[in-house]
C-alpha atoms as a PDB file:
ATOM      1  CA  MET A   1      59.364 124.933  19.705  1.00  0.00           C
ATOM      2  CA  ALA A   2      61.056 127.891  21.389  1.00  0.00           C
ATOM      3  CA  GLU A   3      63.680 126.120  23.092  1.00  0.00           C
ATOM      4  CA  GLU A   4      64.687 124.308  20.025  1.00  0.00           C
ATOM      5  CA  VAL A   5      65.245 127.778  18.142  1.00  0.00           C
ATOM      6  CA  SER A   6      67.160 129.118  20.981  1.00  0.00           C
ATOM      7  CA  LYS A   7      69.468 126.007  21.112  1.00  0.00           C
ATOM      8  CA  ALA A   8      70.094 126.415  17.444  1.00  0.00           C
ATOM      9  CA  LEU A   9      70.988 130.101  17.781  1.00  0.00           C
ATOM     10  CA  ASN A  10      73.103 129.728  20.785  1.00  0.00           C
ATOM     11  CA  GLY A  11      76.137 131.847  20.507  1.00  0.00           C
ATOM     12  CA  ILE A  12      74.903 133.886  17.640  1.00  0.00           C
ATOM     13  CA  LEU A  13      72.609 136.235  19.590  1.00  0.00           C
ATOM     14  CA  THR A  14      73.336 138.272  22.297  1.00  0.00           C
ATOM     15  CA  GLN A  15      71.795 137.148  25.544  1.00  0.00           C
ATOM     16  CA  GLU A  16      69.273 139.978  25.553  1.00  0.00           C
ATOM     17  CA  GLN A  17      68.340 139.218  21.800  1.00  0.00           C
ATOM     18  CA  ASP A  18      67.973 135.543  22.936  1.00  0.00           C
ATOM     19  CA  ALA A  19      65.583 136.537  25.716  1.00  0.00           C
ATOM     20  CA  LEU A  20      63.569 138.714  23.199  1.00  0.00           C
ATOM     21  CA  LEU A  21      63.481 135.888  20.740  1.00  0.00           C
ATOM     22  CA  ASP A  22      62.082 133.580  23.543  1.00  0.00           C
ATOM     23  CA  LEU A  23      59.601 136.015  24.648  1.00  0.00           C
ATOM     24  CA  TYR A  24      58.485 136.456  20.952  1.00  0.00           C
ATOM     25  CA  LEU A  25      58.228 132.844  20.165  1.00  0.00           C
ATOM     26  CA  ASN A  26      56.176 132.040  23.453  1.00  0.00           C
ATOM     27  CA  ASN A  27      53.752 134.766  22.437  1.00  0.00           C
ATOM     28  CA  LEU A  28      53.389 133.631  18.947  1.00  0.00           C
ATOM     29  CA  ASP A  29      52.922 130.181  20.666  1.00  0.00           C
ATOM     30  CA  ASN A  30      50.130 131.589  22.730  1.00  0.00           C
ATOM     31  CA  PHE A  31      48.662 133.173  19.850  1.00  0.00           C
ATOM     32  CA  PHE A  32      48.378 130.167  17.786  1.00  0.00           C
ATOM     33  CA  GLU A  33      46.885 128.099  20.647  1.00  0.00           C
ATOM     34  CA  ASN A  34      44.274 130.964  21.454  1.00  0.00           C
ATOM     35  CA  GLN A  35      43.561 130.721  17.534  1.00  0.00           C
ATOM     36  CA  LYS A  36      42.836 126.930  17.793  1.00  0.00           C
ATOM     37  CA  LYS A  37      40.642 127.236  20.907  1.00  0.00           C
ATOM     38  CA  ALA A  38      38.740 129.968  19.157  1.00  0.00           C
ATOM     39  CA  GLU A  39      38.296 128.009  16.295  1.00  0.00           C
ATOM     40  CA  LYS A  40      37.004 124.765  18.326  1.00  0.00           C
ATOM     41  CA  LEU A  41      34.788 127.272  20.241  1.00  0.00           C
ATOM     42  CA  LYS A  42      33.219 128.594  16.985  1.00  0.00           C
ATOM     43  CA  VAL A  43      32.479 125.254  15.734  1.00  0.00           C
ATOM     44  CA  GLU A  44      30.842 124.132  18.975  1.00  0.00           C
ATOM     45  CA  ILE A  45      28.698 127.235  18.718  1.00  0.00           C
ATOM     46  CA  GLU A  46      27.864 126.485  14.996  1.00  0.00           C
ATOM     47  CA  THR A  47      27.159 122.971  15.741  1.00  0.00           C
ATOM     48  CA  LEU A  48      24.601 123.741  18.736  1.00  0.00           C
ATOM     49  CA  HIS A  49      22.969 126.085  16.386  1.00  0.00           C
ATOM     50  CA  LEU A  50      22.509 123.705  13.442  1.00  0.00           C
ATOM     51  CA  LYS A  51      21.244 121.096  16.046  1.00  0.00           C
ATOM     52  CA  LYS A  52      18.671 123.523  17.277  1.00  0.00           C
ATOM     53  CA  ILE A  53      17.400 124.377  13.744  1.00  0.00           C
ATOM     54  CA  LEU A  54      17.122 120.684  12.675  1.00  0.00           C
ATOM     55  CA  SER A  55      15.160 120.074  16.038  1.00  0.00           C
ATOM     56  CA  GLU A  56      12.575 122.577  15.514  1.00  0.00           C
END
C-alpha cells in the first residue's frame, strides 16, 4: 500500500516529504496489523473462557 501511494505522488512531494509519508504509511499498516492480531487474541481468549464455562 505504501509503495502504491508513493508512486502515485512521485514528483509532487519533496524527497523528505516522500520519506515521511512512507514512514507514516508503514506505521499505519503496522498499527492495523497489530489491531487485527489483538482482535484475534481477544476472540481466542473469549472462546477458551466460554468453553471452560460450558464444560463445568
